[in-house]
Amino acid sequence: MGSMCDMADINRFCRSEEGKMLLDEIKNLLLDRKIVDVKFEKQISNIEVNITLDNEHTVTVLMPFLDVYSIRENYSEIINREYLKDYPERDLKKLQ
């Protein structure tokens, strides 16, 4: 998690002419484009969504619900089930 100092710097960047220009470039890159491919890439703390557009640019999207903390919170049973596939000797239900 960031701090208010981080948010202040983001605000400063977004209000600057350079920041506005960069965000406009990104907007123009994305507007009126067609998605031609979507791939997922596992990172250390999240799953990235890599979207390829019809102009051959690839855009990486970070979705909060694909963050490891969110995945652990929302899918703990699934993670535990898969964990036990990796370490079946730790399954307490089978040990009883």
Protein backbone atom coordinates (compact mmCIF):
# COMPACT_ATOMS: atom_id res chain seq x y z
CA MET A 1 0.00 0.00 0.00
CA GLY A 2 1.15 3.49 -0.73
CA SER A 3 1.11 6.58 1.36
CA MET A 4 -0.39 10.03 0.99
CA CYS A 5 3.04 11.17 -0.26
CA ASP A 6 2.68 8.72 -3.15
CA MET A 7 -0.79 10.05 -3.96
CA ALA A 8 0.45 13.63 -3.84
CA ASP A 9 3.20 12.81 -6.36
CA ILE A 10 0.67 11.10 -8.63
CA ASN A 11 -1.54 14.20 -8.44
CA ARG A 12 1.43 16.46 -9.24
CA PHE A 13 2.37 14.34 -12.25
CA CYS A 14 -1.22 14.22 -13.56
CA ARG A 15 -1.63 17.99 -13.40
CA SER A 16 1.69 18.68 -15.16
CA GLU A 17 1.76 19.34 -18.89
CA GLU A 18 4.07 16.36 -19.39
CA GLY A 19 1.77 14.09 -17.41
CA LYS A 20 -1.27 15.27 -19.35
CA MET A 21 0.57 14.69 -22.63
CA LEU A 22 1.59 11.17 -21.65
CA LEU A 23 -1.93 10.26 -20.53
CA ASP A 24 -3.34 11.69 -23.77
CA GLU A 25 -0.88 9.56 -25.78
CA ILE A 26 -2.04 6.47 -23.90
CA LYS A 27 -5.69 7.42 -24.44
CA ASN A 28 -5.12 7.86 -28.17
CA LEU A 29 -3.28 4.54 -28.34
CA LEU A 30 -6.33 2.77 -26.89
CA LEU A 31 -9.31 4.60 -28.36
CA ASP A 32 -11.17 2.88 -31.21
CA ARG A 33 -8.88 -0.16 -31.12
CA LYS A 34 -9.86 -3.78 -31.28
CA ILE A 35 -8.44 -6.37 -28.90
CA VAL A 36 -6.91 -9.20 -30.93
CA ASP A 37 -5.33 -11.25 -28.14
CA VAL A 38 -5.25 -11.55 -24.36
CA LYS A 39 -2.55 -13.38 -22.42
CA PHE A 40 -1.95 -13.77 -18.71
CA GLU A 41 1.49 -13.59 -17.12
CA LYS A 42 2.16 -14.76 -13.60
CA GLN A 43 4.26 -12.34 -11.59
CA ILE A 44 5.46 -12.58 -7.98
CA SER A 45 2.51 -10.72 -6.47
CA ASN A 46 -0.12 -10.56 -9.21
CA ILE A 47 -1.32 -11.85 -12.55
CA GLU A 48 -0.81 -9.39 -15.39
CA VAL A 49 -3.27 -9.15 -18.26
CA ASN A 50 -1.46 -8.46 -21.54
CA ILE A 51 -3.79 -7.16 -24.22
CA THR A 52 -2.66 -6.98 -27.85
CA LEU A 53 -4.46 -4.40 -29.96
CA ASP A 54 -5.09 -4.35 -33.69
CA ASN A 55 -2.29 -1.78 -34.10
CA GLU A 56 0.11 -4.43 -32.67
CA HIS A 57 0.68 -2.53 -29.42
CA THR A 58 0.52 -4.59 -26.25
CA VAL A 59 -0.93 -3.06 -23.12
CA THR A 60 -0.40 -4.53 -19.67
CA VAL A 61 -3.36 -4.17 -17.34
CA LEU A 62 -3.17 -4.70 -13.60
CA MET A 63 -6.47 -5.69 -12.07
CA PRO A 64 -6.81 -5.38 -8.29
CA PHE A 65 -8.69 -8.67 -8.01
CA LEU A 66 -5.72 -10.49 -9.58
CA ASP A 67 -3.39 -9.31 -6.81
CA VAL A 68 -2.09 -12.13 -4.59
CA TYR A 69 -3.75 -10.68 -1.48
CA SER A 70 -7.13 -10.50 -3.18
CA ILE A 71 -6.72 -14.01 -4.61
CA ARG A 72 -5.83 -15.35 -1.16
CA GLU A 73 -8.82 -13.61 0.40
CA ASN A 74 -11.36 -14.63 -2.22
CA TYR A 75 -10.08 -18.07 -3.20
CA SER A 76 -8.51 -19.46 -0.02
CA GLU A 77 -10.25 -22.84 -0.36
CA ILE A 78 -8.96 -23.30 -3.88
CA ILE A 79 -5.44 -22.29 -2.89
CA ASN A 80 -5.53 -24.70 0.04
CA ARG A 81 -6.77 -27.54 -2.19
CA GLU A 82 -3.98 -26.89 -4.70
CA TYR A 83 -1.44 -26.54 -1.88
CA LEU A 84 -2.34 -30.02 -0.68
CA LYS A 85 -1.67 -31.36 -4.17
CA ASP A 86 1.87 -30.03 -3.77
CA TYR A 87 2.20 -31.36 -0.20
CA PRO A 88 -0.22 -34.28 0.26
CA GLU A 89 1.59 -35.38 3.41
CA ARG A 90 0.31 -32.20 5.12
CA ASP A 91 -3.37 -33.04 4.59
CA LEU A 92 -4.70 -33.35 8.14
CA LYS A 93 -7.95 -34.95 6.95
CA LYS A 94 -6.04 -37.91 5.48
CA LEU A 95 -3.87 -38.26 8.58
CA GLN A 96 -6.87 -38.92 10.87
